[in-house]
Amino acid sequence: MKEKIRDFNGNIIATIEDASNGDLIARDFIGNIIGRYDKRCNVTREFSGRIIGPGNQLGVIIGMNKK
């Protein structure tokens, strides 16, 4: 499933998609990966692999990436 994240004007700013292993992948409006929630480890990582924090914090990454 692919969930579209929109700003107040209705513009798509990101998408969150389910991976086959249960992880969630966040992409910017162009389609570049900006972060991933690792379900097995229960941590969120940014695109470079740096841990953002415990649990699903993809919303934080999307907020940091908003232009």
Protein backbone atom coordinates (compact mmCIF):
# COMPACT_ATOMS: atom_id res chain seq x y z
CA MET A 1 0.00 0.00 0.00
CA LYS A 2 1.19 3.52 -0.75
CA GLU A 3 -0.04 6.41 1.40
CA LYS A 4 0.26 9.92 0.00
CA ILE A 5 1.17 12.68 2.46
CA ARG A 6 -0.11 16.12 1.45
CA ASP A 7 0.49 19.66 2.66
CA PHE A 8 -2.30 22.12 3.47
CA ASN A 9 -2.54 23.11 -0.20
CA GLY A 10 -3.09 19.52 -1.30
CA ASN A 11 0.38 19.07 -2.81
CA ILE A 12 1.98 15.66 -2.34
CA ILE A 13 5.09 16.12 -0.19
CA ALA A 14 5.87 12.45 0.49
CA THR A 15 4.64 8.89 0.30
CA ILE A 16 4.88 6.01 2.76
CA GLU A 17 4.84 2.50 1.37
CA ASP A 18 4.80 -0.95 2.93
CA ALA A 19 7.77 -3.20 2.21
CA SER A 20 7.26 -6.96 1.91
CA ASN A 21 9.03 -7.55 5.25
CA GLY A 22 6.74 -5.16 7.18
CA ASP A 23 9.07 -2.15 7.10
CA LEU A 24 7.77 1.25 6.01
CA ILE A 25 9.63 3.35 3.46
CA ALA A 26 9.20 7.13 3.20
CA ARG A 27 9.90 8.83 -0.12
CA ASP A 28 9.91 12.52 -1.02
CA PHE A 29 7.62 13.89 -3.75
CA ILE A 30 10.22 13.02 -6.40
CA GLY A 31 10.49 9.40 -5.22
CA ASN A 32 13.84 9.50 -3.42
CA ILE A 33 14.00 7.44 -0.21
CA ILE A 34 14.21 9.78 2.77
CA GLY A 35 13.75 7.27 5.58
CA ARG A 36 12.74 3.82 6.70
CA TYR A 37 11.00 2.35 9.72
CA ASP A 38 12.61 -1.00 10.57
CA LYS A 39 9.83 -3.06 12.12
CA ARG A 40 12.13 -5.84 13.38
CA CYS A 41 14.41 -3.44 15.30
CA ASN A 42 11.60 -0.94 16.04
CA VAL A 43 13.71 2.06 14.96
CA THR A 44 13.43 4.75 12.31
CA ARG A 45 16.44 5.58 10.16
CA GLU A 46 17.05 8.42 7.74
CA PHE A 47 18.23 7.71 4.18
CA SER A 48 21.89 7.55 5.24
CA GLY A 49 21.16 4.88 7.89
CA ARG A 50 21.47 7.17 10.93
CA ILE A 51 18.95 6.23 13.62
CA ILE A 52 16.38 8.96 14.26
CA GLY A 53 14.77 7.25 17.25
CA PRO A 54 12.71 4.35 18.54
CA GLY A 55 9.40 3.45 16.96
CA ASN A 56 7.87 4.80 13.77
CA GLN A 57 9.04 8.40 13.38
CA LEU A 58 8.66 8.76 9.63
CA GLY A 59 6.49 11.84 10.21
CA VAL A 60 9.50 13.54 11.79
CA ILE A 61 11.64 12.73 8.76
CA ILE A 62 8.97 13.99 6.38
CA GLY A 63 8.69 17.21 8.40
CA MET A 64 12.47 17.69 8.34
CA ASN A 65 12.55 17.08 4.58
CA LYS A 66 9.66 19.40 3.66
CA LYS A 67 10.77 22.18 1.35
